[in-house]
């Protein structure tokens, strides 16, 4: 059993995630804002955080930054589950310390697999994965940018 925090401002999604995680045997606490998440992180330790990016007030990116400042990022895994799913969003998430990035709507089975993988991975393996994902996402962002929003032309 892991100690998990769900940071999600949409109440129905928050309750769904909390119910799923508790069904999977985890001890779950929820926060509706980035400020609440930071307060909880300052008071207690968590094995994993399921983090939305678009929150009222400070963003999930700000939560990641504050986790690093507080020194809890190294021992807490972070799975970002958000509607922000452009390549640039991935780059920002990976660079700020996300261990995994799942777009909404999410598949509960995929979420469970990702959580198990995150909890069983070493900090070194996760750091290497983040480095690799940052490189891949930056390359994809650069490719998308060079083709523009329209994508590659039909002739080339």
N, C-alpha and C. Protein backbone atom coordinates (compact mmCIF):
# COMPACT_ATOMS: atom_id res chain seq x y z
N UNK A 1 0.83 -1.18 0.00
CA UNK A 1 0.00 0.00 0.00
C UNK A 1 0.88 1.24 0.00
N UNK A 2 0.52 2.18 -0.86
CA UNK A 2 1.27 3.43 -0.95
C UNK A 2 0.42 4.57 -0.40
N UNK A 3 1.10 5.59 0.04
CA UNK A 3 0.43 6.82 0.47
C UNK A 3 0.40 7.73 -0.75
N UNK A 4 -0.81 8.08 -1.22
CA UNK A 4 -0.99 8.79 -2.47
C UNK A 4 -1.83 10.05 -2.25
N UNK A 5 -1.44 11.12 -2.93
CA UNK A 5 -2.25 12.34 -2.95
C UNK A 5 -2.78 12.54 -4.36
N UNK A 6 -4.07 12.84 -4.45
CA UNK A 6 -4.71 13.20 -5.71
C UNK A 6 -4.92 14.70 -5.68
N UNK A 7 -4.35 15.40 -6.67
CA UNK A 7 -4.53 16.85 -6.77
C UNK A 7 -5.34 17.11 -8.03
N UNK A 8 -6.61 17.41 -7.83
CA UNK A 8 -7.56 17.55 -8.94
C UNK A 8 -8.66 18.51 -8.51
N UNK A 9 -8.93 19.53 -9.34
CA UNK A 9 -9.94 20.52 -8.99
C UNK A 9 -11.34 20.15 -9.46
N UNK A 10 -11.48 19.24 -10.40
CA UNK A 10 -12.80 18.77 -10.82
C UNK A 10 -13.26 17.69 -9.85
N UNK A 11 -14.28 18.01 -9.08
CA UNK A 11 -14.71 17.14 -7.97
C UNK A 11 -15.05 15.72 -8.43
N UNK A 12 -15.76 15.56 -9.54
CA UNK A 12 -16.13 14.21 -9.98
C UNK A 12 -14.90 13.39 -10.34
N UNK A 13 -13.93 14.02 -10.99
CA UNK A 13 -12.69 13.31 -11.36
C UNK A 13 -11.90 12.99 -10.10
N UNK A 14 -11.85 13.92 -9.16
CA UNK A 14 -11.14 13.71 -7.90
C UNK A 14 -11.72 12.51 -7.15
N UNK A 15 -13.03 12.45 -7.04
CA UNK A 15 -13.69 11.35 -6.32
C UNK A 15 -13.46 10.03 -7.05
N UNK A 16 -13.54 10.05 -8.37
CA UNK A 16 -13.29 8.83 -9.16
C UNK A 16 -11.88 8.32 -8.91
N UNK A 17 -10.89 9.20 -9.00
CA UNK A 17 -9.50 8.78 -8.78
C UNK A 17 -9.31 8.27 -7.36
N UNK A 18 -9.86 8.98 -6.40
CA UNK A 18 -9.72 8.57 -5.00
C UNK A 18 -10.34 7.19 -4.79
N UNK A 19 -11.53 6.97 -5.33
CA UNK A 19 -12.18 5.66 -5.20
C UNK A 19 -11.36 4.55 -5.85
N UNK A 20 -10.84 4.82 -7.06
CA UNK A 20 -10.02 3.82 -7.75
C UNK A 20 -8.79 3.46 -6.92
N UNK A 21 -8.08 4.49 -6.46
CA UNK A 21 -6.85 4.27 -5.70
C UNK A 21 -7.12 3.52 -4.40
N UNK A 22 -8.19 3.85 -3.72
CA UNK A 22 -8.53 3.15 -2.49
C UNK A 22 -8.91 1.70 -2.78
N UNK A 23 -9.62 1.47 -3.89
CA UNK A 23 -9.96 0.10 -4.30
C UNK A 23 -8.70 -0.71 -4.57
N UNK A 24 -7.66 -0.05 -5.09
CA UNK A 24 -6.39 -0.72 -5.39
C UNK A 24 -5.51 -0.86 -4.14
N UNK A 25 -6.04 -0.43 -2.98
CA UNK A 25 -5.34 -0.66 -1.72
C UNK A 25 -4.46 0.47 -1.23
N UNK A 26 -4.56 1.65 -1.81
CA UNK A 26 -3.72 2.76 -1.40
C UNK A 26 -4.41 3.64 -0.36
N UNK A 27 -3.59 4.30 0.46
CA UNK A 27 -4.05 5.30 1.42
C UNK A 27 -4.06 6.62 0.66
N UNK A 28 -5.23 7.22 0.48
CA UNK A 28 -5.38 8.37 -0.41
C UNK A 28 -5.84 9.61 0.33
N UNK A 29 -5.23 10.73 -0.02
CA UNK A 29 -5.66 12.04 0.45
C UNK A 29 -5.84 12.89 -0.79
N UNK A 30 -6.82 13.80 -0.76
CA UNK A 30 -7.10 14.62 -1.92
C UNK A 30 -6.90 16.10 -1.62
N UNK A 31 -6.50 16.83 -2.66
CA UNK A 31 -6.39 18.28 -2.62
C UNK A 31 -7.07 18.83 -3.86
N UNK A 32 -7.78 19.93 -3.70
CA UNK A 32 -8.50 20.54 -4.82
C UNK A 32 -7.74 21.69 -5.46
N UNK A 33 -6.71 22.17 -4.78
CA UNK A 33 -5.92 23.29 -5.31
C UNK A 33 -4.44 23.00 -5.14
N UNK A 34 -3.64 23.74 -5.88
CA UNK A 34 -2.19 23.62 -5.73
C UNK A 34 -1.73 24.04 -4.35
N UNK A 35 -2.35 25.09 -3.81
CA UNK A 35 -2.00 25.55 -2.46
C UNK A 35 -2.27 24.47 -1.41
N UNK A 36 -3.42 23.78 -1.53
CA UNK A 36 -3.72 22.68 -0.60
C UNK A 36 -2.69 21.57 -0.73
N UNK A 37 -2.31 21.25 -1.96
CA UNK A 37 -1.32 20.20 -2.19
C UNK A 37 0.00 20.54 -1.52
N UNK A 38 0.44 21.79 -1.67
CA UNK A 38 1.71 22.20 -1.07
C UNK A 38 1.63 22.15 0.45
N UNK A 39 0.50 22.56 1.01
CA UNK A 39 0.33 22.48 2.47
C UNK A 39 0.41 21.04 2.95
N UNK A 40 -0.23 20.12 2.23
CA UNK A 40 -0.19 18.70 2.60
C UNK A 40 1.23 18.15 2.46
N UNK A 41 1.93 18.55 1.40
CA UNK A 41 3.30 18.10 1.19
C UNK A 41 4.24 18.61 2.27
N UNK A 42 3.95 19.78 2.79
CA UNK A 42 4.78 20.36 3.85
C UNK A 42 4.56 19.66 5.18
N UNK A 43 3.39 19.03 5.34
CA UNK A 43 3.03 18.42 6.62
C UNK A 43 3.22 16.91 6.66
N UNK A 44 3.29 16.27 5.50
CA UNK A 44 3.32 14.81 5.47
C UNK A 44 4.06 14.32 4.23
N UNK A 45 4.49 13.05 4.26
CA UNK A 45 5.18 12.46 3.11
C UNK A 45 4.23 11.59 2.30
N UNK A 46 4.46 11.58 1.01
CA UNK A 46 3.65 10.78 0.09
C UNK A 46 4.58 9.97 -0.81
N UNK A 47 4.14 8.78 -1.17
CA UNK A 47 4.90 7.95 -2.09
C UNK A 47 4.68 8.40 -3.53
N UNK A 48 3.46 8.90 -3.80
CA UNK A 48 3.09 9.24 -5.18
C UNK A 48 2.03 10.32 -5.16
N UNK A 49 2.09 11.19 -6.16
CA UNK A 49 1.07 12.21 -6.36
C UNK A 49 0.51 12.07 -7.76
N UNK A 50 -0.81 12.06 -7.86
CA UNK A 50 -1.51 12.12 -9.14
C UNK A 50 -1.92 13.59 -9.28
N UNK A 51 -1.35 14.28 -10.26
CA UNK A 51 -1.41 15.74 -10.31
C UNK A 51 -2.02 16.25 -11.61
N UNK A 52 -3.05 17.07 -11.47
CA UNK A 52 -3.60 17.80 -12.61
C UNK A 52 -2.75 19.05 -12.80
N UNK A 53 -2.67 19.55 -14.02
CA UNK A 53 -1.89 20.75 -14.30
C UNK A 53 -2.76 22.00 -14.17
N UNK A 54 -3.97 21.95 -14.71
CA UNK A 54 -4.85 23.12 -14.71
C UNK A 54 -5.68 23.14 -13.43
N UNK A 55 -5.18 23.88 -12.46
CA UNK A 55 -5.84 24.01 -11.16
C UNK A 55 -6.20 25.47 -10.94
N UNK A 56 -7.19 25.71 -10.08
CA UNK A 56 -7.47 27.08 -9.69
C UNK A 56 -6.30 27.60 -8.86
N UNK A 57 -5.90 28.84 -9.07
CA UNK A 57 -4.75 29.38 -8.34
C UNK A 57 -3.46 28.94 -8.98
N UNK A 58 -2.56 28.39 -8.18
CA UNK A 58 -1.28 27.96 -8.76
C UNK A 58 -1.46 26.67 -9.55
N UNK A 59 -0.67 26.50 -10.57
CA UNK A 59 -0.81 25.35 -11.47
C UNK A 59 -0.08 24.12 -10.93
N UNK A 60 -0.33 23.00 -11.58
CA UNK A 60 0.39 21.78 -11.26
C UNK A 60 1.88 21.93 -11.52
N UNK A 61 2.25 22.72 -12.54
CA UNK A 61 3.67 22.98 -12.78
C UNK A 61 4.29 23.68 -11.57
N UNK A 62 3.54 24.62 -10.98
CA UNK A 62 4.02 25.32 -9.78
C UNK A 62 4.16 24.35 -8.61
N UNK A 63 3.26 23.39 -8.52
CA UNK A 63 3.35 22.37 -7.46
C UNK A 63 4.64 21.57 -7.65
N UNK A 64 4.95 21.18 -8.89
CA UNK A 64 6.20 20.46 -9.15
C UNK A 64 7.41 21.29 -8.75
N UNK A 65 7.39 22.57 -9.08
CA UNK A 65 8.50 23.45 -8.71
C UNK A 65 8.63 23.54 -7.19
N UNK A 66 7.51 23.67 -6.50
CA UNK A 66 7.54 23.78 -5.04
C UNK A 66 7.99 22.47 -4.40
N UNK A 67 7.62 21.35 -4.99
CA UNK A 67 8.09 20.05 -4.48
C UNK A 67 9.61 19.99 -4.51
N UNK A 68 10.21 20.49 -5.59
CA UNK A 68 11.67 20.51 -5.68
C UNK A 68 12.25 21.43 -4.61
N UNK A 69 11.65 22.61 -4.45
CA UNK A 69 12.14 23.56 -3.46
C UNK A 69 12.05 22.99 -2.04
N UNK A 70 10.97 22.25 -1.75
CA UNK A 70 10.78 21.65 -0.42
C UNK A 70 11.67 20.42 -0.21
N UNK A 71 12.26 19.90 -1.29
CA UNK A 71 13.11 18.72 -1.18
C UNK A 71 12.34 17.41 -1.13
N UNK A 72 11.06 17.42 -1.51
CA UNK A 72 10.27 16.19 -1.47
C UNK A 72 10.14 15.55 -2.85
N UNK A 73 10.55 16.24 -3.90
CA UNK A 73 10.40 15.71 -5.25
C UNK A 73 11.23 14.44 -5.44
N UNK A 74 12.40 14.36 -4.84
CA UNK A 74 13.28 13.21 -5.03
C UNK A 74 12.69 11.92 -4.50
N UNK A 75 11.85 12.00 -3.48
CA UNK A 75 11.31 10.76 -2.88
C UNK A 75 9.82 10.55 -3.17
N UNK A 76 9.23 11.43 -3.96
CA UNK A 76 7.81 11.32 -4.28
C UNK A 76 7.63 11.22 -5.79
N UNK A 77 7.01 10.15 -6.24
CA UNK A 77 6.75 9.99 -7.67
C UNK A 77 5.57 10.87 -8.05
N UNK A 78 5.55 11.34 -9.31
CA UNK A 78 4.48 12.21 -9.77
C UNK A 78 3.96 11.71 -11.12
N UNK A 79 2.65 11.43 -11.16
CA UNK A 79 1.97 11.10 -12.40
C UNK A 79 1.04 12.25 -12.72
N UNK A 80 1.31 12.94 -13.82
CA UNK A 80 0.46 14.04 -14.26
C UNK A 80 -0.69 13.45 -15.08
N UNK A 81 -1.92 13.78 -14.69
CA UNK A 81 -3.11 13.38 -15.43
C UNK A 81 -3.86 14.68 -15.73
N UNK A 82 -3.87 15.07 -17.01
CA UNK A 82 -4.37 16.40 -17.36
C UNK A 82 -4.94 16.46 -18.76
N UNK A 83 -5.72 17.48 -19.00
CA UNK A 83 -6.24 17.75 -20.33
C UNK A 83 -5.24 18.49 -21.20
N UNK A 84 -4.14 18.95 -20.62
CA UNK A 84 -3.09 19.65 -21.37
C UNK A 84 -2.15 18.59 -21.95
N UNK A 85 -2.27 18.34 -23.25
CA UNK A 85 -1.53 17.23 -23.83
C UNK A 85 -0.84 17.56 -25.15
N UNK A 86 -0.36 18.81 -25.29
CA UNK A 86 0.46 19.11 -26.46
C UNK A 86 1.89 18.68 -26.17
N UNK A 87 2.71 18.62 -27.20
CA UNK A 87 4.11 18.24 -26.96
C UNK A 87 4.79 19.23 -26.03
N UNK A 88 4.45 20.53 -26.15
CA UNK A 88 5.06 21.51 -25.27
C UNK A 88 4.66 21.25 -23.82
N UNK A 89 3.40 20.84 -23.59
CA UNK A 89 2.96 20.50 -22.23
C UNK A 89 3.77 19.32 -21.69
N UNK A 90 4.01 18.34 -22.55
CA UNK A 90 4.84 17.20 -22.13
C UNK A 90 6.25 17.67 -21.77
N UNK A 91 6.84 18.52 -22.61
CA UNK A 91 8.18 19.02 -22.33
C UNK A 91 8.21 19.70 -20.96
N UNK A 92 7.26 20.60 -20.72
CA UNK A 92 7.22 21.31 -19.43
C UNK A 92 7.05 20.34 -18.27
N UNK A 93 6.16 19.38 -18.42
CA UNK A 93 5.93 18.41 -17.34
C UNK A 93 7.16 17.59 -17.03
N UNK A 94 7.79 17.04 -18.06
CA UNK A 94 8.98 16.22 -17.86
C UNK A 94 10.12 17.07 -17.27
N UNK A 95 10.30 18.29 -17.77
CA UNK A 95 11.39 19.13 -17.30
C UNK A 95 11.21 19.53 -15.84
N UNK A 96 9.97 19.66 -15.41
CA UNK A 96 9.72 20.08 -14.03
C UNK A 96 9.64 18.90 -13.07
N UNK A 97 9.73 17.68 -13.58
CA UNK A 97 9.85 16.54 -12.69
C UNK A 97 8.76 15.51 -12.72
N UNK A 98 7.85 15.56 -13.70
CA UNK A 98 6.83 14.52 -13.80
C UNK A 98 7.51 13.19 -14.13
N UNK A 99 7.01 12.11 -13.55
CA UNK A 99 7.54 10.78 -13.85
C UNK A 99 6.73 10.10 -14.95
N UNK A 100 5.49 10.53 -15.12
CA UNK A 100 4.63 10.00 -16.18
C UNK A 100 3.61 11.07 -16.49
N UNK A 101 3.09 11.02 -17.70
CA UNK A 101 2.15 12.04 -18.17
C UNK A 101 1.02 11.31 -18.89
N UNK A 102 -0.18 11.37 -18.33
CA UNK A 102 -1.35 10.73 -18.94
C UNK A 102 -2.37 11.79 -19.32
N UNK A 103 -2.83 11.79 -20.57
CA UNK A 103 -3.85 12.77 -20.96
C UNK A 103 -5.23 12.34 -20.49
N UNK A 104 -6.09 13.34 -20.24
CA UNK A 104 -7.50 13.08 -19.94
C UNK A 104 -8.23 13.04 -21.28
N UNK A 105 -9.27 12.26 -21.39
CA UNK A 105 -9.75 11.33 -20.37
C UNK A 105 -8.79 10.15 -20.25
N UNK A 106 -8.61 9.66 -19.04
CA UNK A 106 -7.65 8.59 -18.80
C UNK A 106 -8.38 7.25 -18.70
N UNK A 107 -7.64 6.21 -19.02
CA UNK A 107 -8.13 4.84 -18.91
C UNK A 107 -7.74 4.33 -17.52
N UNK A 108 -8.71 3.96 -16.67
CA UNK A 108 -8.37 3.50 -15.33
C UNK A 108 -7.40 2.33 -15.30
N UNK A 109 -7.50 1.41 -16.25
CA UNK A 109 -6.57 0.27 -16.29
C UNK A 109 -5.16 0.77 -16.56
N UNK A 110 -5.02 1.71 -17.50
CA UNK A 110 -3.70 2.29 -17.80
C UNK A 110 -3.16 3.03 -16.58
N UNK A 111 -4.02 3.76 -15.89
CA UNK A 111 -3.60 4.48 -14.68
C UNK A 111 -3.06 3.50 -13.64
N UNK A 112 -3.75 2.39 -13.43
CA UNK A 112 -3.30 1.40 -12.45
C UNK A 112 -1.93 0.83 -12.85
N UNK A 113 -1.75 0.53 -14.12
CA UNK A 113 -0.47 -0.01 -14.60
C UNK A 113 0.65 1.01 -14.37
N UNK A 114 0.38 2.26 -14.71
CA UNK A 114 1.38 3.32 -14.55
C UNK A 114 1.73 3.51 -13.08
N UNK A 115 0.74 3.51 -12.20
CA UNK A 115 1.01 3.69 -10.77
C UNK A 115 1.86 2.56 -10.24
N UNK A 116 1.55 1.33 -10.61
CA UNK A 116 2.35 0.19 -10.16
C UNK A 116 3.78 0.29 -10.67
N UNK A 117 3.92 0.71 -11.94
CA UNK A 117 5.25 0.87 -12.52
C UNK A 117 6.04 1.96 -11.79
N UNK A 118 5.39 3.08 -11.52
CA UNK A 118 6.06 4.19 -10.83
C UNK A 118 6.50 3.78 -9.43
N UNK A 119 5.64 3.09 -8.71
CA UNK A 119 5.94 2.72 -7.34
C UNK A 119 7.02 1.65 -7.25
N UNK A 120 7.21 0.87 -8.30
CA UNK A 120 8.22 -0.18 -8.27
C UNK A 120 9.55 0.25 -8.91
N UNK A 121 9.59 1.44 -9.50
CA UNK A 121 10.81 1.92 -10.16
C UNK A 121 11.72 2.63 -9.17
N UNK A 122 13.01 2.51 -9.40
CA UNK A 122 13.98 3.20 -8.55
C UNK A 122 14.02 4.68 -8.94
N UNK A 123 14.42 5.55 -8.01
CA UNK A 123 14.57 6.98 -8.35
C UNK A 123 15.54 7.20 -9.51
N UNK A 124 16.59 6.40 -9.59
CA UNK A 124 17.56 6.53 -10.68
C UNK A 124 16.92 6.18 -12.03
N UNK A 125 16.13 5.10 -12.06
CA UNK A 125 15.45 4.72 -13.30
C UNK A 125 14.46 5.80 -13.73
N UNK A 126 13.75 6.38 -12.77
CA UNK A 126 12.80 7.44 -13.09
C UNK A 126 13.50 8.69 -13.61
N UNK A 127 14.63 9.04 -13.01
CA UNK A 127 15.39 10.22 -13.46
C UNK A 127 15.89 10.01 -14.89
N UNK A 128 16.36 8.82 -15.20
CA UNK A 128 16.83 8.52 -16.55
C UNK A 128 15.66 8.57 -17.53
N UNK A 129 14.53 8.05 -17.13
CA UNK A 129 13.34 8.08 -17.99
C UNK A 129 12.91 9.52 -18.27
N UNK A 130 12.94 10.38 -17.24
CA UNK A 130 12.60 11.79 -17.44
C UNK A 130 13.54 12.44 -18.44
N UNK A 131 14.85 12.18 -18.30
CA UNK A 131 15.82 12.75 -19.26
C UNK A 131 15.49 12.31 -20.69
N UNK A 132 15.21 11.04 -20.84
CA UNK A 132 14.89 10.50 -22.16
C UNK A 132 13.60 11.11 -22.71
N UNK A 133 12.60 11.24 -21.87
CA UNK A 133 11.31 11.80 -22.30
C UNK A 133 11.43 13.28 -22.65
N UNK A 134 12.24 14.03 -21.90
CA UNK A 134 12.46 15.44 -22.22
C UNK A 134 13.07 15.54 -23.62
N UNK A 135 14.08 14.74 -23.91
CA UNK A 135 14.71 14.76 -25.23
C UNK A 135 13.71 14.40 -26.32
N UNK A 136 12.93 13.35 -26.10
CA UNK A 136 11.95 12.92 -27.10
C UNK A 136 10.88 13.98 -27.31
N UNK A 137 10.35 14.52 -26.22
CA UNK A 137 9.30 15.53 -26.33
C UNK A 137 9.80 16.80 -26.99
N UNK A 138 11.03 17.21 -26.68
CA UNK A 138 11.60 18.39 -27.33
C UNK A 138 11.74 18.17 -28.83
N UNK A 139 12.18 16.98 -29.21
CA UNK A 139 12.31 16.65 -30.62
C UNK A 139 10.94 16.68 -31.31
N UNK A 140 9.93 16.09 -30.68
CA UNK A 140 8.58 16.08 -31.25
C UNK A 140 8.02 17.50 -31.36
N UNK A 141 8.26 18.31 -30.32
CA UNK A 141 7.80 19.70 -30.35
C UNK A 141 8.46 20.45 -31.51
N UNK A 142 9.76 20.25 -31.68
CA UNK A 142 10.48 20.91 -32.77
C UNK A 142 9.96 20.46 -34.13
N UNK A 143 9.66 19.18 -34.26
CA UNK A 143 9.10 18.68 -35.53
C UNK A 143 7.73 19.29 -35.78
N UNK A 144 6.87 19.29 -34.77
CA UNK A 144 5.54 19.87 -34.93
C UNK A 144 5.64 21.35 -35.29
N UNK A 145 6.55 22.06 -34.64
CA UNK A 145 6.73 23.49 -34.90
C UNK A 145 7.20 23.74 -36.32
N UNK A 146 8.07 22.88 -36.83
CA UNK A 146 8.60 23.09 -38.18
C UNK A 146 7.54 22.84 -39.25
N UNK A 147 6.53 22.02 -38.95
CA UNK A 147 5.46 21.76 -39.89
C UNK A 147 4.28 22.69 -39.67
N UNK A 148 4.26 23.39 -38.56
CA UNK A 148 3.13 24.25 -38.25
C UNK A 148 1.94 23.44 -37.79
N UNK A 149 0.84 24.06 -37.54
CA UNK A 149 -0.35 23.36 -37.05
C UNK A 149 -0.99 22.48 -38.10
N UNK A 150 -0.72 22.75 -39.35
CA UNK A 150 -1.34 22.00 -40.43
C UNK A 150 -0.72 20.61 -40.61
N UNK A 151 0.47 20.41 -40.09
CA UNK A 151 1.16 19.13 -40.28
C UNK A 151 1.88 19.12 -41.61
N UNK A 152 2.52 18.00 -41.95
CA UNK A 152 3.28 17.93 -43.21
C UNK A 152 2.35 18.08 -44.41
N UNK A 153 2.88 18.67 -45.47
CA UNK A 153 2.06 18.82 -46.69
C UNK A 153 1.90 17.48 -47.37
N UNK A 154 0.87 17.38 -48.19
CA UNK A 154 0.56 16.11 -48.86
C UNK A 154 1.70 15.68 -49.76
N UNK A 155 2.46 16.62 -50.28
CA UNK A 155 3.54 16.27 -51.19
C UNK A 155 4.84 15.93 -50.51
N UNK A 156 4.96 16.09 -49.21
CA UNK A 156 6.26 15.84 -48.62
C UNK A 156 6.18 15.71 -47.20
